[in-house]
Structure formats: C-alpha cells, structure tokens
Amino acid sequence: LRPDLPAAGSRAEPTLRRPRDSVRPSPRGIMVAYWRQAGLSYIRYSQICAKAVRDALKTEFKASAEKTSSSSVKIVKVKKE
C-alpha cells in the first residue's frame, strides 16, 4: 500500500501537490524556481524556451513560427496638459 494513495473504498479528496521539478528549496528553506537559481529573469527563461520550441519545429511550420517570434514595442510619451 502506497502512503500517497488513498486506501480502497475511502472517500478522501485527493490533495493538490506542486510539481516536483518546478521549484526546489534553497538553503534558507525558501522555494526558488530553477531559472531564478540559474540567474535568469523569467523573460529571458521564456525566450530561451520559445527558441528551443521554434528550433524543434518541422520545416513546414518554422516559417510561420519565425514570423511571430519578432516583436516590437512602441513607447508613447503622454503630453501633460
């Protein structure tokens, strides 16, 4: 009998658990994400993941994925009245 599974016939609600691979305890006991421990920001981490996914695509889908990979930002200064 596994301790993490309810016994047969029990009506206990299953408990929600955190994914084991997403975080791990730091020396002070604070949960820290792996990308943060590696010194990356979440934005940089997501960029690396997106590039890995785009690179893994079949050639027929790569062209449309490359179009969406570029982004732009427009900054507008608000005039004070």
PDB file of N, CA and C in Angstrom:
ATOM      1  N   LEU A   1       0.853  -1.189   0.000  1.00  0.00           N
ATOM      2  CA  LEU A   1       0.000   0.000   0.000  1.00  0.00           C
ATOM      3  C   LEU A   1       0.887   1.236   0.000  1.00  0.00           C
ATOM      4  N   ARG A   2       0.649   2.104  -0.961  1.00  0.00           N
ATOM      5  CA  ARG A   2       1.441   3.328  -1.044  1.00  0.00           C
ATOM      6  C   ARG A   2       0.825   4.388  -0.155  1.00  0.00           C
ATOM      7  N   PRO A   3       1.636   5.117   0.607  1.00  0.00           N
ATOM      8  CA  PRO A   3       1.088   6.124   1.534  1.00  0.00           C
ATOM      9  C   PRO A   3       0.498   7.343   0.834  1.00  0.00           C
ATOM     10  N   ASP A   4       0.895   7.613  -0.417  1.00  0.00           N
ATOM     11  CA  ASP A   4       0.380   8.797  -1.096  1.00  0.00           C
ATOM     12  C   ASP A   4      -0.952   8.547  -1.793  1.00  0.00           C
ATOM     13  N   LEU A   5      -1.411   7.280  -1.817  1.00  0.00           N
ATOM     14  CA  LEU A   5      -2.689   6.949  -2.435  1.00  0.00           C
ATOM     15  C   LEU A   5      -3.706   6.600  -1.350  1.00  0.00           C
ATOM     16  N   PRO A   6      -4.962   7.005  -1.538  1.00  0.00           N
ATOM     17  CA  PRO A   6      -5.967   6.658  -0.529  1.00  0.00           C
ATOM     18  C   PRO A   6      -6.241   5.164  -0.544  1.00  0.00           C
ATOM     19  N   ALA A   7      -6.643   4.633   0.590  1.00  0.00           N
ATOM     20  CA  ALA A   7      -6.967   3.212   0.698  1.00  0.00           C
ATOM     21  C   ALA A   7      -8.210   2.920  -0.127  1.00  0.00           C
ATOM     22  N   ALA A   8      -8.362   1.684  -0.552  1.00  0.00           N
ATOM     23  CA  ALA A   8      -9.513   1.294  -1.375  1.00  0.00           C
ATOM     24  C   ALA A   8     -10.799   1.554  -0.603  1.00  0.00           C
ATOM     25  N   GLY A   9     -11.743   2.164  -1.262  1.00  0.00           N
ATOM     26  CA  GLY A   9     -13.029   2.420  -0.648  1.00  0.00           C
ATOM     27  C   GLY A   9     -13.090   3.708   0.153  1.00  0.00           C
ATOM     28  N   SER A  10     -11.980   4.371   0.359  1.00  0.00           N
ATOM     29  CA  SER A  10     -12.032   5.619   1.121  1.00  0.00           C
ATOM     30  C   SER A  10     -12.549   6.734   0.236  1.00  0.00           C
ATOM     31  N   ARG A  11     -13.173   7.695   0.817  1.00  0.00           N
ATOM     32  CA  ARG A  11     -13.742   8.804   0.053  1.00  0.00           C
ATOM     33  C   ARG A  11     -12.951  10.094   0.288  1.00  0.00           C
ATOM     34  N   ALA A  12     -11.700   9.966   0.640  1.00  0.00           N
ATOM     35  CA  ALA A  12     -10.877  11.145   0.892  1.00  0.00           C
ATOM     36  C   ALA A  12     -10.634  11.882  -0.418  1.00  0.00           C
ATOM     37  N   GLU A  13     -10.721  13.197  -0.362  1.00  0.00           N
ATOM     38  CA  GLU A  13     -10.462  14.009  -1.543  1.00  0.00           C
ATOM     39  C   GLU A  13      -8.963  14.008  -1.832  1.00  0.00           C
ATOM     40  N   PRO A  14      -8.573  13.927  -3.101  1.00  0.00           N
ATOM     41  CA  PRO A  14      -7.138  13.978  -3.415  1.00  0.00           C
ATOM     42  C   PRO A  14      -6.583  15.365  -3.101  1.00  0.00           C
ATOM     43  N   THR A  15      -5.347  15.389  -2.664  1.00  0.00           N
ATOM     44  CA  THR A  15      -4.713  16.659  -2.346  1.00  0.00           C
ATOM     45  C   THR A  15      -3.947  17.165  -3.554  1.00  0.00           C
ATOM     46  N   LEU A  16      -3.890  18.474  -3.702  1.00  0.00           N
ATOM     47  CA  LEU A  16      -3.127  19.075  -4.791  1.00  0.00           C
ATOM     48  C   LEU A  16      -1.692  19.219  -4.351  1.00  0.00           C
ATOM     49  N   ARG A  17      -0.784  18.855  -5.221  1.00  0.00           N
ATOM     50  CA  ARG A  17       0.641  18.974  -4.914  1.00  0.00           C
ATOM     51  C   ARG A  17       1.322  19.823  -5.958  1.00  0.00           C
ATOM     52  N   ARG A  18       2.408  20.437  -5.579  1.00  0.00           N
ATOM     53  CA  ARG A  18       3.216  21.205  -6.528  1.00  0.00           C
ATOM     54  C   ARG A  18       3.996  20.238  -7.408  1.00  0.00           C
ATOM     55  N   PRO A  19       4.243  20.630  -8.653  1.00  0.00           N
ATOM     56  CA  PRO A  19       5.110  19.790  -9.482  1.00  0.00           C
ATOM     57  C   PRO A  19       6.502  19.711  -8.873  1.00  0.00           C
ATOM     58  N   ARG A  20       7.078  18.552  -8.883  1.00  0.00           N
ATOM     59  CA  ARG A  20       8.374  18.364  -8.225  1.00  0.00           C
ATOM     60  C   ARG A  20       9.512  19.089  -8.930  1.00  0.00           C
ATOM     61  N   ASP A  21       9.404  19.246 -10.239  1.00  0.00           N
ATOM     62  CA  ASP A  21      10.516  19.802 -11.000  1.00  0.00           C
ATOM     63  C   ASP A  21      10.508  21.322 -11.099  1.00  0.00           C
ATOM     64  N   SER A  22       9.451  21.985 -10.702  1.00  0.00           N
ATOM     65  CA  SER A  22       9.369  23.422 -10.932  1.00  0.00           C
ATOM     66  C   SER A  22      10.165  24.233  -9.916  1.00  0.00           C
ATOM     67  N   VAL A  23      10.218  23.787  -8.699  1.00  0.00           N
ATOM     68  CA  VAL A  23      10.925  24.535  -7.660  1.00  0.00           C
ATOM     69  C   VAL A  23      11.651  23.567  -6.736  1.00  0.00           C
ATOM     70  N   ARG A  24      12.641  24.078  -6.044  1.00  0.00           N
ATOM     71  CA  ARG A  24      13.292  23.276  -5.015  1.00  0.00           C
ATOM     72  C   ARG A  24      13.708  24.200  -3.884  1.00  0.00           C
ATOM     73  N   PRO A  25      13.840  23.682  -2.678  1.00  0.00           N
ATOM     74  CA  PRO A  25      14.167  24.548  -1.553  1.00  0.00           C
ATOM     75  C   PRO A  25      15.589  25.090  -1.645  1.00  0.00           C
ATOM     76  N   SER A  26      15.736  26.340  -1.296  1.00  0.00           N
ATOM     77  CA  SER A  26      17.062  26.946  -1.233  1.00  0.00           C
ATOM     78  C   SER A  26      17.635  26.643   0.146  1.00  0.00           C
ATOM     79  N   PRO A  27      18.904  26.984   0.398  1.00  0.00           N
ATOM     80  CA  PRO A  27      19.489  26.700   1.703  1.00  0.00           C
ATOM     81  C   PRO A  27      18.708  27.307   2.873  1.00  0.00           C
ATOM     82  N   ARG A  28      18.024  28.411   2.648  1.00  0.00           N
ATOM     83  CA  ARG A  28      17.255  29.035   3.723  1.00  0.00           C
ATOM     84  C   ARG A  28      15.840  28.481   3.826  1.00  0.00           C
ATOM     85  N   GLY A  29      15.506  27.495   3.001  1.00  0.00           N
ATOM     86  CA  GLY A  29      14.190  26.894   3.062  1.00  0.00           C
ATOM     87  C   GLY A  29      13.145  27.598   2.211  1.00  0.00           C
ATOM     88  N   ILE A  30      13.552  28.617   1.449  1.00  0.00           N
ATOM     89  CA  ILE A  30      12.627  29.343   0.585  1.00  0.00           C
ATOM     90  C   ILE A  30      12.585  28.621  -0.761  1.00  0.00           C
ATOM     91  N   MET A  31      11.388  28.425  -1.292  1.00  0.00           N
ATOM     92  CA  MET A  31      11.260  27.760  -2.586  1.00  0.00           C
ATOM     93  C   MET A  31      11.670  28.735  -3.691  1.00  0.00           C
ATOM     94  N   VAL A  32      12.602  28.313  -4.547  1.00  0.00           N
ATOM     95  CA  VAL A  32      13.115  29.157  -5.614  1.00  0.00           C
ATOM     96  C   VAL A  32      13.056  28.368  -6.920  1.00  0.00           C
ATOM     97  N   ALA A  33      12.572  29.003  -7.962  1.00  0.00           N
ATOM     98  CA  ALA A  33      12.495  28.342  -9.266  1.00  0.00           C
ATOM     99  C   ALA A  33      13.899  28.125  -9.822  1.00  0.00           C
ATOM    100  N   TYR A  34      14.040  27.063 -10.631  1.00  0.00           N
ATOM    101  CA  TYR A  34      15.346  26.741 -11.189  1.00  0.00           C
ATOM    102  C   TYR A  34      15.895  27.860 -12.058  1.00  0.00           C
ATOM    103  N   TRP A  35      15.049  28.517 -12.852  1.00  0.00           N
ATOM    104  CA  TRP A  35      15.537  29.579 -13.717  1.00  0.00           C
ATOM    105  C   TRP A  35      16.061  30.742 -12.882  1.00  0.00           C
ATOM    106  N   ARG A  36      15.477  30.974 -11.719  1.00  0.00           N
ATOM    107  CA  ARG A  36      15.953  32.043 -10.843  1.00  0.00           C
ATOM    108  C   ARG A  36      17.294  31.651 -10.216  1.00  0.00           C
ATOM    109  N   GLN A  37      17.434  30.381  -9.857  1.00  0.00           N
ATOM    110  CA  GLN A  37      18.706  29.921  -9.283  1.00  0.00           C
ATOM    111  C   GLN A  37      19.825  29.993 -10.314  1.00  0.00           C
ATOM    112  N   ALA A  38      19.483  29.871 -11.591  1.00  0.00           N
ATOM    113  CA  ALA A  38      20.481  29.964 -12.651  1.00  0.00           C
ATOM    114  C   ALA A  38      20.836  31.409 -12.973  1.00  0.00           C
ATOM    115  N   GLY A  39      20.149  32.362 -12.338  1.00  0.00           N
ATOM    116  CA  GLY A  39      20.450  33.769 -12.559  1.00  0.00           C
ATOM    117  C   GLY A  39      19.717  34.376 -13.738  1.00  0.00           C
ATOM    118  N   LEU A  40      18.635  33.733 -14.188  1.00  0.00           N
ATOM    119  CA  LEU A  40      17.868  34.247 -15.322  1.00  0.00           C
ATOM    120  C   LEU A  40      16.611  34.948 -14.842  1.00  0.00           C
ATOM    121  N   SER A  41      16.181  35.939 -15.606  1.00  0.00           N
ATOM    122  CA  SER A  41      14.867  36.526 -15.355  1.00  0.00           C
ATOM    123  C   SER A  41      13.840  35.616 -16.020  1.00  0.00           C
ATOM    124  N   TYR A  42      12.580  35.776 -15.643  1.00  0.00           N
ATOM    125  CA  TYR A  42      11.547  34.941 -16.250  1.00  0.00           C
ATOM    126  C   TYR A  42      11.415  35.234 -17.745  1.00  0.00           C
ATOM    127  N   ILE A  43      11.589  36.506 -18.119  1.00  0.00           N
ATOM    128  CA  ILE A  43      11.502  36.871 -19.536  1.00  0.00           C
ATOM    129  C   ILE A  43      12.577  36.153 -20.341  1.00  0.00           C
ATOM    130  N   ARG A  44      13.809  36.177 -19.848  1.00  0.00           N
ATOM    131  CA  ARG A  44      14.911  35.516 -20.559  1.00  0.00           C
ATOM    132  C   ARG A  44      14.689  34.005 -20.617  1.00  0.00           C
ATOM    133  N   TYR A  45      14.211  33.424 -19.518  1.00  0.00           N
ATOM    134  CA  TYR A  45      13.907  31.996 -19.472  1.00  0.00           C
ATOM    135  C   TYR A  45      12.851  31.635 -20.513  1.00  0.00           C
ATOM    136  N   SER A  46      11.804  32.435 -20.609  1.00  0.00           N
ATOM    137  CA  SER A  46      10.738  32.143 -21.572  1.00  0.00           C
ATOM    138  C   SER A  46      11.231  32.325 -23.011  1.00  0.00           C
ATOM    139  N   GLN A  47      12.145  33.276 -23.236  1.00  0.00           N
ATOM    140  CA  GLN A  47      12.716  33.452 -24.568  1.00  0.00           C
ATOM    141  C   GLN A  47      13.536  32.229 -24.987  1.00  0.00           C
ATOM    142  N   ILE A  48      14.300  31.696 -24.062  1.00  0.00           N
ATOM    143  CA  ILE A  48      15.107  30.505 -24.345  1.00  0.00           C
ATOM    144  C   ILE A  48      14.201  29.320 -24.659  1.00  0.00           C
ATOM    145  N   CYS A  49      13.140  29.158 -23.878  1.00  0.00           N
ATOM    146  CA  CYS A  49      12.195  28.056 -24.113  1.00  0.00           C
ATOM    147  C   CYS A  49      11.496  28.210 -25.466  1.00  0.00           C
ATOM    148  N   ALA A  50      11.082  29.423 -25.790  1.00  0.00           N
ATOM    149  CA  ALA A  50      10.395  29.652 -27.064  1.00  0.00           C
ATOM    150  C   ALA A  50      11.317  29.353 -28.240  1.00  0.00           C
ATOM    151  N   LYS A  51      12.578  29.758 -28.137  1.00  0.00           N
ATOM    152  CA  LYS A  51      13.536  29.484 -29.216  1.00  0.00           C
ATOM    153  C   LYS A  51      13.765  27.991 -29.369  1.00  0.00           C
ATOM    154  N   ALA A  52      13.834  27.271 -28.264  1.00  0.00           N
ATOM    155  CA  ALA A  52      14.021  25.823 -28.325  1.00  0.00           C
ATOM    156  C   ALA A  52      12.836  25.151 -29.015  1.00  0.00           C
ATOM    157  N   VAL A  53      11.634  25.629 -28.724  1.00  0.00           N
ATOM    158  CA  VAL A  53      10.448  25.062 -29.368  1.00  0.00           C
ATOM    159  C   VAL A  53      10.445  25.381 -30.861  1.00  0.00           C
ATOM    160  N   ARG A  54      10.766  26.631 -31.215  1.00  0.00           N
ATOM    161  CA  ARG A  54      10.799  27.002 -32.635  1.00  0.00           C
ATOM    162  C   ARG A  54      11.848  26.204 -33.396  1.00  0.00           C
ATOM    163  N   ASP A  55      13.000  25.972 -32.770  1.00  0.00           N
ATOM    164  CA  ASP A  55      14.063  25.209 -33.425  1.00  0.00           C
ATOM    165  C   ASP A  55      13.678  23.741 -33.612  1.00  0.00           C
ATOM    166  N   ALA A  56      12.784  23.236 -32.775  1.00  0.00           N
ATOM    167  CA  ALA A  56      12.378  21.831 -32.855  1.00  0.00           C
ATOM    168  C   ALA A  56      11.247  21.599 -33.855  1.00  0.00           C
ATOM    169  N   LEU A  57      10.665  22.659 -34.386  1.00  0.00           N
ATOM    170  CA  LEU A  57       9.547  22.516 -35.310  1.00  0.00           C
ATOM    171  C   LEU A  57       9.985  21.924 -36.645  1.00  0.00           C
ATOM    172  N   LYS A  58       9.052  21.262 -37.300  1.00  0.00           N
ATOM    173  CA  LYS A  58       9.307  20.777 -38.651  1.00  0.00           C
ATOM    174  C   LYS A  58       9.418  21.976 -39.580  1.00  0.00           C
ATOM    175  N   THR A  59      10.112  21.805 -40.699  1.00  0.00           N
ATOM    176  CA  THR A  59      10.374  22.923 -41.606  1.00  0.00           C
ATOM    177  C   THR A  59       9.100  23.557 -42.135  1.00  0.00           C
ATOM    178  N   GLU A  60       8.048  22.781 -42.300  1.00  0.00           N
ATOM    179  CA  GLU A  60       6.804  23.337 -42.837  1.00  0.00           C
ATOM    180  C   GLU A  60       6.135  24.318 -41.876  1.00  0.00           C
ATOM    181  N   PHE A  61       6.429  24.199 -40.578  1.00  0.00           N
ATOM    182  CA  PHE A  61       5.825  25.088 -39.596  1.00  0.00           C
ATOM    183  C   PHE A  61       6.780  26.185 -39.125  1.00  0.00           C
ATOM    184  N   LYS A  62       8.068  26.051 -39.449  1.00  0.00           N
ATOM    185  CA  LYS A  62       9.062  27.012 -38.968  1.00  0.00           C
ATOM    186  C   LYS A  62       8.822  28.427 -39.501  1.00  0.00           C
ATOM    187  N   ALA A  63       8.417  28.555 -40.754  1.00  0.00           N
ATOM    188  CA  ALA A  63       8.247  29.877 -41.363  1.00  0.00           C
ATOM    189  C   ALA A  63       7.207  30.704 -40.614  1.00  0.00           C
ATOM    190  N   SER A  64       6.077  30.107 -40.300  1.00  0.00           N
ATOM    191  CA  SER A  64       5.039  30.864 -39.591  1.00  0.00           C
ATOM    192  C   SER A  64       5.467  31.146 -38.153  1.00  0.00           C
ATOM    193  N   ALA A  65       6.230  30.248 -37.540  1.00  0.00           N
ATOM    194  CA  ALA A  65       6.704  30.477 -36.169  1.00  0.00           C
ATOM    195  C   ALA A  65       7.734  31.603 -36.130  1.00  0.00           C
ATOM    196  N   GLU A  66       8.571  31.700 -37.143  1.00  0.00           N
ATOM    197  CA  GLU A  66       9.571  32.764 -37.194  1.00  0.00           C
ATOM    198  C   GLU A  66       8.917  34.137 -37.343  1.00  0.00           C
ATOM    199  N   LYS A  67       7.802  34.194 -38.054  1.00  0.00           N
ATOM    200  CA  LYS A  67       7.093  35.470 -38.207  1.00  0.00           C
ATOM    201  C   LYS A  67       6.596  35.993 -36.870  1.00  0.00           C
ATOM    202  N   THR A  68       6.120  35.100 -36.030  1.00  0.00           N
ATOM    203  CA  THR A  68       5.574  35.525 -34.737  1.00  0.00           C
ATOM    204  C   THR A  68       6.656  35.726 -33.688  1.00  0.00           C
ATOM    205  N   SER A  69       7.888  35.283 -33.961  1.00  0.00           N
ATOM    206  CA  SER A  69       8.936  35.394 -32.953  1.00  0.00           C
ATOM    207  C   SER A  69       9.447  36.815 -32.792  1.00  0.00           C
ATOM    208  N   SER A  70       9.338  37.621 -33.825  1.00  0.00           N
ATOM    209  CA  SER A  70       9.792  39.001 -33.689  1.00  0.00           C
ATOM    210  C   SER A  70       8.705  39.820 -32.998  1.00  0.00           C
ATOM    211  N   SER A  71       9.139  40.763 -32.212  1.00  0.00           N
ATOM    212  CA  SER A  71       8.171  41.609 -31.520  1.00  0.00           C
ATOM    213  C   SER A  71       8.696  43.038 -31.511  1.00  0.00           C
ATOM    214  N   SER A  72       7.798  43.943 -31.298  1.00  0.00           N
ATOM    215  CA  SER A  72       8.204  45.338 -31.238  1.00  0.00           C
ATOM    216  C   SER A  72       7.411  46.033 -30.142  1.00  0.00           C
ATOM    217  N   VAL A  73       7.993  47.103 -29.657  1.00  0.00           N
ATOM    218  CA  VAL A  73       7.360  47.888 -28.602  1.00  0.00           C
ATOM    219  C   VAL A  73       7.342  49.334 -29.049  1.00  0.00           C
ATOM    220  N   LYS A  74       6.236  49.981 -28.865  1.00  0.00           N
ATOM    221  CA  LYS A  74       6.127  51.392 -29.197  1.00  0.00           C
ATOM    222  C   LYS A  74       5.920  52.158 -27.896  1.00  0.00           C
ATOM    223  N   ILE A  75       6.792  53.108 -27.641  1.00  0.00           N
ATOM    224  CA  ILE A  75       6.699  53.909 -26.426  1.00  0.00           C
ATOM    225  C   ILE A  75       6.157  55.275 -26.800  1.00  0.00           C
ATOM    226  N   VAL A  76       5.116  55.679 -26.114  1.00  0.00           N
ATOM    227  CA  VAL A  76       4.480  56.962 -26.385  1.00  0.00           C
ATOM    228  C   VAL A  76       4.542  57.792 -25.105  1.00  0.00           C
ATOM    229  N   LYS A  77       5.106  58.978 -25.228  1.00  0.00           N
ATOM    230  CA  LYS A  77       5.149  59.873 -24.079  1.00  0.00           C
ATOM    231  C   LYS A  77       3.838  60.652 -24.023  1.00  0.00           C
ATOM    232  N   VAL A  78       3.232  60.649 -22.866  1.00  0.00           N
ATOM    233  CA  VAL A  78       1.964  61.335 -22.692  1.00  0.00           C
ATOM    234  C   VAL A  78       2.241  62.816 -22.454  1.00  0.00           C
ATOM    235  N   LYS A  79       1.529  63.648 -23.197  1.00  0.00           N
ATOM    236  CA  LYS A  79       1.695  65.091 -23.029  1.00  0.00           C
ATOM    237  C   LYS A  79       0.905  65.546 -21.809  1.00  0.00           C
ATOM    238  N   LYS A  80       1.568  66.292 -20.958  1.00  0.00           N
ATOM    239  CA  LYS A  80       0.887  66.831 -19.782  1.00  0.00           C
ATOM    240  C   LYS A  80       0.204  68.130 -20.171  1.00  0.00           C
ATOM    241  N   GLU A  81      -0.997  68.272 -19.738  1.00  0.00           N
ATOM    242  CA  GLU A  81      -1.741  69.491 -20.075  1.00  0.00           C
ATOM    243  C   GLU A  81      -1.789  70.433 -18.909  1.00  0.00           C
TER     244      GLU A  81
END
